[in-house]
Amino acid sequence: MRSRKFLKAEQAALVWDAPGLVAGVDEAGRGPLAGPVVAAAVILDDQRPIRGLADSKTLTALQRERLHDQILAKALCCSVAQASVEEIDTHNILQATMLAMRRAVEGLRLKPAKVLVDGNRLPTLDVLAEAIVKGDARVKAISAASILAKVHRDRLCEQLHVEFPHYGFAGHKGYGTPEHLEALLRHGACVHHRRSFSPVAAALARTAGGAAVPDDASMAISMDSATVEIARLDLRAAP
């Protein structure tokens, strides 16, 4: 008589993905009020591992810079792309992000057999792709892509700061901080601001209406109102 162990079915892992190179993809800059959205695609080299790869948001600026250089030196290939402010305002931030991701994948020197994308949405690609929620913390190739995208965008914001120092881009990187919102109220929007985002649209409306620079009391009220709009906009589509 056969043993129960023999009769018990065993589970075997089945891998259906075609063998080949795997690219990780992530973005930086969906939430800011200014600047492009940046995406990166990275194919790591298993023979040249990189220690310390993690979600870029959990790393210090110095750690990101060091890892950025290692990724460029050790990865099989990398690609960084972006979607402009104009494209964000025309298509909305989500579609612009997908566009930047597609450009990053298409810019790779080597074509991957599969693409792993951080999040729950996929850009239109001509290769097999999978969306992975919190992939920047779970998949090394996506972690590497998140670092490249973040460092690249931060450097762009430092360049914007040189051009428009009164907005403080080097510090807040375009996000809707109190400092940035106050600068919008005082100076209006510059060419790098996203017109489809509510706080920027409100600043443009004030400028068009010839509103005077508010005093401290009204500034505080306006800042509170703008902060509420920041919380609501998230990935709002352009009108």
C-alpha atoms as a PDB file:
ATOM      1  CA  MET A   1       0.000   0.000   0.000  1.00  0.00           C
ATOM      2  CA  ARG A   2       1.322   3.425  -0.929  1.00  0.00           C
ATOM      3  CA  SER A   3       2.020   5.845   1.892  1.00  0.00           C
ATOM      4  CA  ARG A   4      -0.052   8.932   2.442  1.00  0.00           C
ATOM      5  CA  LYS A   5       3.070  10.955   1.747  1.00  0.00           C
ATOM      6  CA  PHE A   6       3.277   9.385  -1.708  1.00  0.00           C
ATOM      7  CA  LEU A   7      -0.387  10.149  -2.440  1.00  0.00           C
ATOM      8  CA  LYS A   8      -0.118  13.796  -1.344  1.00  0.00           C
ATOM      9  CA  ALA A   9       0.285  16.154  -4.302  1.00  0.00           C
ATOM     10  CA  GLU A  10       3.327  18.381  -4.179  1.00  0.00           C
ATOM     11  CA  GLN A  11       3.273  21.988  -5.361  1.00  0.00           C
ATOM     12  CA  ALA A  12       5.834  22.991  -7.942  1.00  0.00           C
ATOM     13  CA  ALA A  13       6.622  26.523  -8.949  1.00  0.00           C
ATOM     14  CA  LEU A  14       5.922  27.174 -12.598  1.00  0.00           C
ATOM     15  CA  VAL A  15       7.661  30.041 -14.307  1.00  0.00           C
ATOM     16  CA  TRP A  16       5.904  31.185 -17.457  1.00  0.00           C
ATOM     17  CA  ASP A  17       7.996  34.291 -18.198  1.00  0.00           C
ATOM     18  CA  ALA A  18      10.277  34.044 -21.162  1.00  0.00           C
ATOM     19  CA  PRO A  19      13.967  34.040 -20.163  1.00  0.00           C
ATOM     20  CA  GLY A  20      15.895  37.198 -20.786  1.00  0.00           C
ATOM     21  CA  LEU A  21      16.807  40.587 -19.400  1.00  0.00           C
ATOM     22  CA  VAL A  22      14.523  42.272 -16.866  1.00  0.00           C
ATOM     23  CA  ALA A  23      14.243  46.041 -16.571  1.00  0.00           C
ATOM     24  CA  GLY A  24      12.987  47.954 -13.553  1.00  0.00           C
ATOM     25  CA  VAL A  25      11.077  51.203 -14.091  1.00  0.00           C
ATOM     26  CA  ASP A  26      10.092  53.983 -11.706  1.00  0.00           C
ATOM     27  CA  GLU A  27       9.325  57.693 -11.761  1.00  0.00           C
ATOM     28  CA  ALA A  28       9.953  60.841  -9.757  1.00  0.00           C
ATOM     29  CA  GLY A  29       7.934  64.035  -9.697  1.00  0.00           C
ATOM     30  CA  ARG A  30       4.240  63.190  -9.964  1.00  0.00           C
ATOM     31  CA  GLY A  31       3.227  65.357  -7.029  1.00  0.00           C
ATOM     32  CA  PRO A  32       5.199  68.618  -7.442  1.00  0.00           C
ATOM     33  CA  LEU A  33       3.659  71.832  -8.738  1.00  0.00           C
ATOM     34  CA  ALA A  34       6.527  72.514 -11.129  1.00  0.00           C
ATOM     35  CA  GLY A  35       9.019  70.813 -13.406  1.00  0.00           C
ATOM     36  CA  PRO A  36       8.821  67.710 -15.586  1.00  0.00           C
ATOM     37  CA  VAL A  37       7.994  64.210 -14.417  1.00  0.00           C
ATOM     38  CA  VAL A  38      11.045  61.954 -14.787  1.00  0.00           C
ATOM     39  CA  ALA A  39      11.206  58.201 -15.321  1.00  0.00           C
ATOM     40  CA  ALA A  40      14.132  55.790 -15.386  1.00  0.00           C
ATOM     41  CA  ALA A  41      14.612  52.235 -16.616  1.00  0.00           C
ATOM     42  CA  VAL A  42      17.461  50.029 -15.408  1.00  0.00           C
ATOM     43  CA  ILE A  43      18.707  46.569 -16.329  1.00  0.00           C
ATOM     44  CA  LEU A  44      21.045  45.397 -13.576  1.00  0.00           C
ATOM     45  CA  ASP A  45      24.033  43.107 -14.070  1.00  0.00           C
ATOM     46  CA  ASP A  46      23.767  40.027 -11.831  1.00  0.00           C
ATOM     47  CA  GLN A  47      27.534  39.687 -12.012  1.00  0.00           C
ATOM     48  CA  ARG A  48      28.065  43.168 -10.565  1.00  0.00           C
ATOM     49  CA  PRO A  49      25.686  43.533  -7.602  1.00  0.00           C
ATOM     50  CA  ILE A  50      25.118  46.905  -5.993  1.00  0.00           C
ATOM     51  CA  ARG A  51      24.758  46.981  -2.225  1.00  0.00           C
ATOM     52  CA  GLY A  52      22.300  49.312  -0.548  1.00  0.00           C
ATOM     53  CA  LEU A  53      19.657  49.574  -3.265  1.00  0.00           C
ATOM     54  CA  ALA A  54      16.333  50.680  -1.768  1.00  0.00           C
ATOM     55  CA  ASP A  55      13.368  52.936  -2.350  1.00  0.00           C
ATOM     56  CA  SER A  56      14.901  56.343  -3.082  1.00  0.00           C
ATOM     57  CA  LYS A  57      12.535  58.004  -0.596  1.00  0.00           C
ATOM     58  CA  THR A  58      14.132  56.056   2.271  1.00  0.00           C
ATOM     59  CA  LEU A  59      17.671  57.163   1.394  1.00  0.00           C
ATOM     60  CA  THR A  60      19.523  60.361   2.196  1.00  0.00           C
ATOM     61  CA  ALA A  61      20.583  62.683  -0.616  1.00  0.00           C
ATOM     62  CA  LEU A  62      24.205  61.577  -0.146  1.00  0.00           C
ATOM     63  CA  GLN A  63      23.262  57.893  -0.314  1.00  0.00           C
ATOM     64  CA  ARG A  64      21.249  58.498  -3.477  1.00  0.00           C
ATOM     65  CA  GLU A  65      24.148  60.319  -5.126  1.00  0.00           C
ATOM     66  CA  ARG A  66      26.597  57.511  -4.328  1.00  0.00           C
ATOM     67  CA  LEU A  67      24.218  54.804  -5.511  1.00  0.00           C
ATOM     68  CA  HIS A  68      23.392  56.840  -8.620  1.00  0.00           C
ATOM     69  CA  ASP A  69      27.043  56.719  -9.681  1.00  0.00           C
ATOM     70  CA  GLN A  70      27.326  53.005  -8.918  1.00  0.00           C
ATOM     71  CA  ILE A  71      24.213  52.215 -10.931  1.00  0.00           C
ATOM     72  CA  LEU A  72      25.550  54.070 -13.955  1.00  0.00           C
ATOM     73  CA  ALA A  73      28.893  52.272 -13.610  1.00  0.00           C
ATOM     74  CA  LYS A  74      27.654  48.733 -12.937  1.00  0.00           C
ATOM     75  CA  ALA A  75      24.253  48.279 -14.592  1.00  0.00           C
ATOM     76  CA  LEU A  76      24.049  46.630 -18.001  1.00  0.00           C
ATOM     77  CA  CYS A  77      22.192  49.679 -19.266  1.00  0.00           C
ATOM     78  CA  CYS A  78      20.142  52.605 -18.008  1.00  0.00           C
ATOM     79  CA  SER A  79      17.830  55.173 -19.507  1.00  0.00           C
ATOM     80  CA  VAL A  80      16.329  58.359 -18.083  1.00  0.00           C
ATOM     81  CA  ALA A  81      13.475  60.195 -19.799  1.00  0.00           C
ATOM     82  CA  GLN A  82      10.872  62.786 -18.944  1.00  0.00           C
ATOM     83  CA  ALA A  83       7.558  64.338 -19.883  1.00  0.00           C
ATOM     84  CA  SER A  84       7.477  68.110 -19.985  1.00  0.00           C
ATOM     85  CA  VAL A  85       5.293  70.539 -18.072  1.00  0.00           C
ATOM     86  CA  GLU A  86       3.402  71.180 -21.304  1.00  0.00           C
ATOM     87  CA  GLU A  87       2.706  67.462 -21.710  1.00  0.00           C
ATOM     88  CA  ILE A  88       1.569  67.223 -18.095  1.00  0.00           C
ATOM     89  CA  ASP A  89      -0.885  70.084 -18.606  1.00  0.00           C
ATOM     90  CA  THR A  90      -2.097  68.679 -21.924  1.00  0.00           C
ATOM     91  CA  HIS A  91      -2.539  65.014 -21.030  1.00  0.00           C
ATOM     92  CA  ASN A  92      -2.728  65.086 -17.173  1.00  0.00           C
ATOM     93  CA  ILE A  93      -0.044  63.908 -14.773  1.00  0.00           C
ATOM     94  CA  LEU A  94      -0.888  60.202 -14.916  1.00  0.00           C
ATOM     95  CA  GLN A  95      -0.706  59.992 -18.707  1.00  0.00           C
ATOM     96  CA  ALA A  96       2.448  62.120 -18.747  1.00  0.00           C
ATOM     97  CA  THR A  97       4.026  59.715 -16.258  1.00  0.00           C
ATOM     98  CA  MET A  98       3.166  56.749 -18.470  1.00  0.00           C
ATOM     99  CA  LEU A  99       4.677  58.614 -21.413  1.00  0.00           C
ATOM    100  CA  ALA A 100       7.934  59.252 -19.533  1.00  0.00           C
ATOM    101  CA  MET A 101       8.105  55.583 -18.503  1.00  0.00           C
ATOM    102  CA  ARG A 102       7.585  54.413 -22.072  1.00  0.00           C
ATOM    103  CA  ARG A 103      10.326  56.740 -23.286  1.00  0.00           C
ATOM    104  CA  ALA A 104      12.695  55.434 -20.605  1.00  0.00           C
ATOM    105  CA  VAL A 105      12.131  51.805 -21.650  1.00  0.00           C
ATOM    106  CA  GLU A 106      12.475  52.653 -25.332  1.00  0.00           C
ATOM    107  CA  GLY A 107      15.727  54.457 -24.567  1.00  0.00           C
ATOM    108  CA  LEU A 108      17.448  51.339 -23.189  1.00  0.00           C
ATOM    109  CA  ARG A 109      20.424  50.173 -25.242  1.00  0.00           C
ATOM    110  CA  LEU A 110      19.367  46.554 -24.668  1.00  0.00           C
ATOM    111  CA  LYS A 111      15.792  45.408 -25.113  1.00  0.00           C
ATOM    112  CA  PRO A 112      14.423  43.621 -22.036  1.00  0.00           C
ATOM    113  CA  ALA A 113      12.312  40.477 -22.178  1.00  0.00           C
ATOM    114  CA  LYS A 114      10.215  41.828 -19.310  1.00  0.00           C
ATOM    115  CA  VAL A 115       9.645  45.175 -17.613  1.00  0.00           C
ATOM    116  CA  LEU A 116       8.755  45.537 -13.932  1.00  0.00           C
ATOM    117  CA  VAL A 117       7.044  48.848 -13.145  1.00  0.00           C
ATOM    118  CA  ASP A 118       6.528  50.364  -9.713  1.00  0.00           C
ATOM    119  CA  GLY A 119       2.869  50.983  -8.862  1.00  0.00           C
ATOM    120  CA  ASN A 120      -0.404  49.629 -10.199  1.00  0.00           C
ATOM    121  CA  ARG A 121      -0.438  51.094 -13.720  1.00  0.00           C
ATOM    122  CA  LEU A 122       1.492  50.128 -16.820  1.00  0.00           C
ATOM    123  CA  PRO A 123       2.615  52.278 -19.737  1.00  0.00           C
ATOM    124  CA  THR A 124       1.991  51.050 -23.261  1.00  0.00           C
ATOM    125  CA  LEU A 125       4.982  48.882 -24.161  1.00  0.00           C
ATOM    126  CA  ASP A 126       5.874  46.333 -26.844  1.00  0.00           C
ATOM    127  CA  VAL A 127       7.323  43.912 -24.280  1.00  0.00           C
ATOM    128  CA  LEU A 128       5.895  41.853 -21.426  1.00  0.00           C
ATOM    129  CA  ALA A 129       5.326  44.067 -18.373  1.00  0.00           C
ATOM    130  CA  GLU A 130       4.130  43.721 -14.794  1.00  0.00           C
ATOM    131  CA  ALA A 131       3.075  46.393 -12.301  1.00  0.00           C
ATOM    132  CA  ILE A 132       4.329  45.821  -8.749  1.00  0.00           C
ATOM    133  CA  VAL A 133       2.896  47.831  -5.874  1.00  0.00           C
ATOM    134  CA  LYS A 134       5.741  49.135  -3.680  1.00  0.00           C
ATOM    135  CA  GLY A 135       8.121  47.630  -6.189  1.00  0.00           C
ATOM    136  CA  ASP A 136      10.731  50.287  -5.411  1.00  0.00           C
ATOM    137  CA  ALA A 137      11.219  48.582  -2.032  1.00  0.00           C
ATOM    138  CA  ARG A 138      10.841  44.994  -3.267  1.00  0.00           C
ATOM    139  CA  VAL A 139      12.679  44.757  -6.595  1.00  0.00           C
ATOM    140  CA  LYS A 140      16.319  45.841  -6.906  1.00  0.00           C
ATOM    141  CA  ALA A 141      16.001  46.951 -10.527  1.00  0.00           C
ATOM    142  CA  ILE A 142      13.037  49.170  -9.642  1.00  0.00           C
ATOM    143  CA  SER A 143      14.943  50.550  -6.634  1.00  0.00           C
ATOM    144  CA  ALA A 144      17.785  51.456  -8.968  1.00  0.00           C
ATOM    145  CA  ALA A 145      15.370  53.151 -11.367  1.00  0.00           C
ATOM    146  CA  SER A 146      13.797  55.133  -8.520  1.00  0.00           C
ATOM    147  CA  ILE A 147      17.233  56.405  -7.482  1.00  0.00           C
ATOM    148  CA  LEU A 148      18.204  57.474 -11.003  1.00  0.00           C
ATOM    149  CA  ALA A 149      14.894  59.247 -11.549  1.00  0.00           C
ATOM    150  CA  LYS A 150      15.019  61.020  -8.184  1.00  0.00           C
ATOM    151  CA  VAL A 151      18.619  62.225  -8.522  1.00  0.00           C
ATOM    152  CA  HIS A 152      18.034  63.376 -12.099  1.00  0.00           C
ATOM    153  CA  ARG A 153      14.941  65.365 -11.157  1.00  0.00           C
ATOM    154  CA  ASP A 154      16.553  66.880  -8.070  1.00  0.00           C
ATOM    155  CA  ARG A 155      19.386  68.134 -10.251  1.00  0.00           C
ATOM    156  CA  LEU A 156      16.886  69.646 -12.669  1.00  0.00           C
ATOM    157  CA  CYS A 157      15.255  71.490  -9.759  1.00  0.00           C
ATOM    158  CA  GLU A 158      18.629  72.873  -8.708  1.00  0.00           C
ATOM    159  CA  GLN A 159      18.983  74.279 -12.226  1.00  0.00           C
ATOM    160  CA  LEU A 160      15.516  75.818 -11.966  1.00  0.00           C
ATOM    161  CA  HIS A 161      16.586  77.422  -8.695  1.00  0.00           C
ATOM    162  CA  VAL A 162      19.421  79.216 -10.466  1.00  0.00           C
ATOM    163  CA  GLU A 163      16.938  80.577 -13.000  1.00  0.00           C
ATOM    164  CA  PHE A 164      14.179  81.433 -10.491  1.00  0.00           C
ATOM    165  CA  PRO A 165      15.785  81.615  -7.013  1.00  0.00           C
ATOM    166  CA  HIS A 166      12.798  83.340  -5.363  1.00  0.00           C
ATOM    167  CA  TYR A 167      10.718  80.131  -5.586  1.00  0.00           C
ATOM    168  CA  GLY A 168      13.177  77.998  -3.613  1.00  0.00           C
ATOM    169  CA  PHE A 169      13.218  75.050  -6.041  1.00  0.00           C
ATOM    170  CA  ALA A 170      16.539  73.735  -4.683  1.00  0.00           C
ATOM    171  CA  GLY A 171      14.937  73.167  -1.297  1.00  0.00           C
ATOM    172  CA  HIS A 172      11.414  71.890  -1.948  1.00  0.00           C
ATOM    173  CA  LYS A 173      12.064  70.387  -5.415  1.00  0.00           C
ATOM    174  CA  GLY A 174       8.786  71.798  -6.712  1.00  0.00           C
ATOM    175  CA  TYR A 175       6.522  70.273  -4.050  1.00  0.00           C
ATOM    176  CA  GLY A 176       3.760  72.341  -2.469  1.00  0.00           C
ATOM    177  CA  THR A 177       5.559  73.319   0.716  1.00  0.00           C
ATOM    178  CA  PRO A 178       4.459  76.434   2.644  1.00  0.00           C
ATOM    179  CA  GLU A 179       7.516  78.236   1.261  1.00  0.00           C
ATOM    180  CA  HIS A 180       6.589  77.340  -2.307  1.00  0.00           C
ATOM    181  CA  LEU A 181       2.928  78.264  -1.874  1.00  0.00           C
ATOM    182  CA  GLU A 182       3.902  81.615  -0.396  1.00  0.00           C
ATOM    183  CA  ALA A 183       6.224  82.287  -3.347  1.00  0.00           C
ATOM    184  CA  LEU A 184       3.378  81.458  -5.736  1.00  0.00           C
ATOM    185  CA  LEU A 185       1.113  83.952  -3.978  1.00  0.00           C
ATOM    186  CA  ARG A 186       3.767  86.669  -4.012  1.00  0.00           C
ATOM    187  CA  HIS A 187       5.278  86.157  -7.473  1.00  0.00           C
ATOM    188  CA  GLY A 188       2.681  84.232  -9.456  1.00  0.00           C
ATOM    189  CA  ALA A 189       3.677  81.221 -11.576  1.00  0.00           C
ATOM    190  CA  CYS A 190       6.767  80.895 -13.754  1.00  0.00           C
ATOM    191  CA  VAL A 191       7.122  78.997 -17.032  1.00  0.00           C
ATOM    192  CA  HIS A 192       8.041  75.800 -15.184  1.00  0.00           C
ATOM    193  CA  HIS A 193       4.857  75.591 -13.122  1.00  0.00           C
ATOM    194  CA  ARG A 194       2.128  73.102 -13.996  1.00  0.00           C
ATOM    195  CA  ARG A 195      -0.914  75.146 -15.003  1.00  0.00           C
ATOM    196  CA  SER A 196      -3.318  72.218 -14.542  1.00  0.00           C
ATOM    197  CA  PHE A 197      -2.549  71.939 -10.813  1.00  0.00           C
ATOM    198  CA  SER A 198      -4.992  73.875  -8.644  1.00  0.00           C
ATOM    199  CA  PRO A 199      -2.580  76.012  -6.555  1.00  0.00           C
ATOM    200  CA  VAL A 200      -0.811  77.140  -9.731  1.00  0.00           C
ATOM    201  CA  ALA A 201      -4.094  77.882 -11.495  1.00  0.00           C
ATOM    202  CA  ALA A 202      -5.158  79.921  -8.464  1.00  0.00           C
ATOM    203  CA  ALA A 203      -1.902  81.912  -8.576  1.00  0.00           C
ATOM    204  CA  LEU A 204      -2.409  82.626 -12.277  1.00  0.00           C
ATOM    205  CA  ALA A 205      -5.976  83.750 -11.634  1.00  0.00           C
ATOM    206  CA  ARG A 206      -4.762  86.181  -8.975  1.00  0.00           C
ATOM    207  CA  THR A 207      -2.135  87.555 -11.364  1.00  0.00           C
ATOM    208  CA  ALA A 208      -4.671  87.941 -14.174  1.00  0.00           C
ATOM    209  CA  GLY A 209      -7.039  89.701 -11.808  1.00  0.00           C
ATOM    210  CA  GLY A 210      -4.363  92.137 -10.739  1.00  0.00           C
ATOM    211  CA  ALA A 211      -4.618  91.114  -7.092  1.00  0.00           C
ATOM    212  CA  ALA A 212      -2.272  92.895  -4.751  1.00  0.00           C
ATOM    213  CA  VAL A 213       0.263  91.016  -2.652  1.00  0.00           C
ATOM    214  CA  PRO A 214      -1.721  89.988   0.450  1.00  0.00           C
ATOM    215  CA  ASP A 215      -0.877  91.181   3.931  1.00  0.00           C
ATOM    216  CA  ASP A 216       0.232  88.701   6.605  1.00  0.00           C
ATOM    217  CA  ALA A 217      -3.303  87.901   7.804  1.00  0.00           C
ATOM    218  CA  SER A 218      -4.764  87.249   4.378  1.00  0.00           C
ATOM    219  CA  MET A 219      -1.584  85.391   3.382  1.00  0.00           C
ATOM    220  CA  ALA A 220      -2.173  82.903   6.212  1.00  0.00           C
ATOM    221  CA  ILE A 221      -5.753  82.310   5.049  1.00  0.00           C
ATOM    222  CA  SER A 222      -4.647  81.880   1.446  1.00  0.00           C
ATOM    223  CA  MET A 223      -1.904  79.477   2.477  1.00  0.00           C
ATOM    224  CA  ASP A 224      -4.382  77.313   4.377  1.00  0.00           C
ATOM    225  CA  SER A 225      -6.681  77.250   1.357  1.00  0.00           C
ATOM    226  CA  ALA A 226      -3.838  76.363  -1.005  1.00  0.00           C
ATOM    227  CA  THR A 227      -2.695  73.576   1.290  1.00  0.00           C
ATOM    228  CA  VAL A 228      -6.172  72.050   1.164  1.00  0.00           C
ATOM    229  CA  GLU A 229      -6.008  72.150  -2.629  1.00  0.00           C
ATOM    230  CA  ILE A 230      -2.646  70.330  -2.545  1.00  0.00           C
ATOM    231  CA  ALA A 231      -4.199  67.517  -0.550  1.00  0.00           C
ATOM    232  CA  ARG A 232      -7.040  67.240  -3.044  1.00  0.00           C
ATOM    233  CA  LEU A 233      -5.141  67.377  -6.324  1.00  0.00           C
ATOM    234  CA  ASP A 234      -3.152  64.101  -6.012  1.00  0.00           C
ATOM    235  CA  LEU A 235      -3.272  62.819  -9.599  1.00  0.00           C
ATOM    236  CA  ARG A 236      -6.135  64.972 -10.815  1.00  0.00           C
ATOM    237  CA  ALA A 237      -6.572  64.955 -14.572  1.00  0.00           C
ATOM    238  CA  ALA A 238      -6.202  68.167 -16.465  1.00  0.00           C
ATOM    239  CA  PRO A 239      -9.514  69.784 -17.411  1.00  0.00           C
END
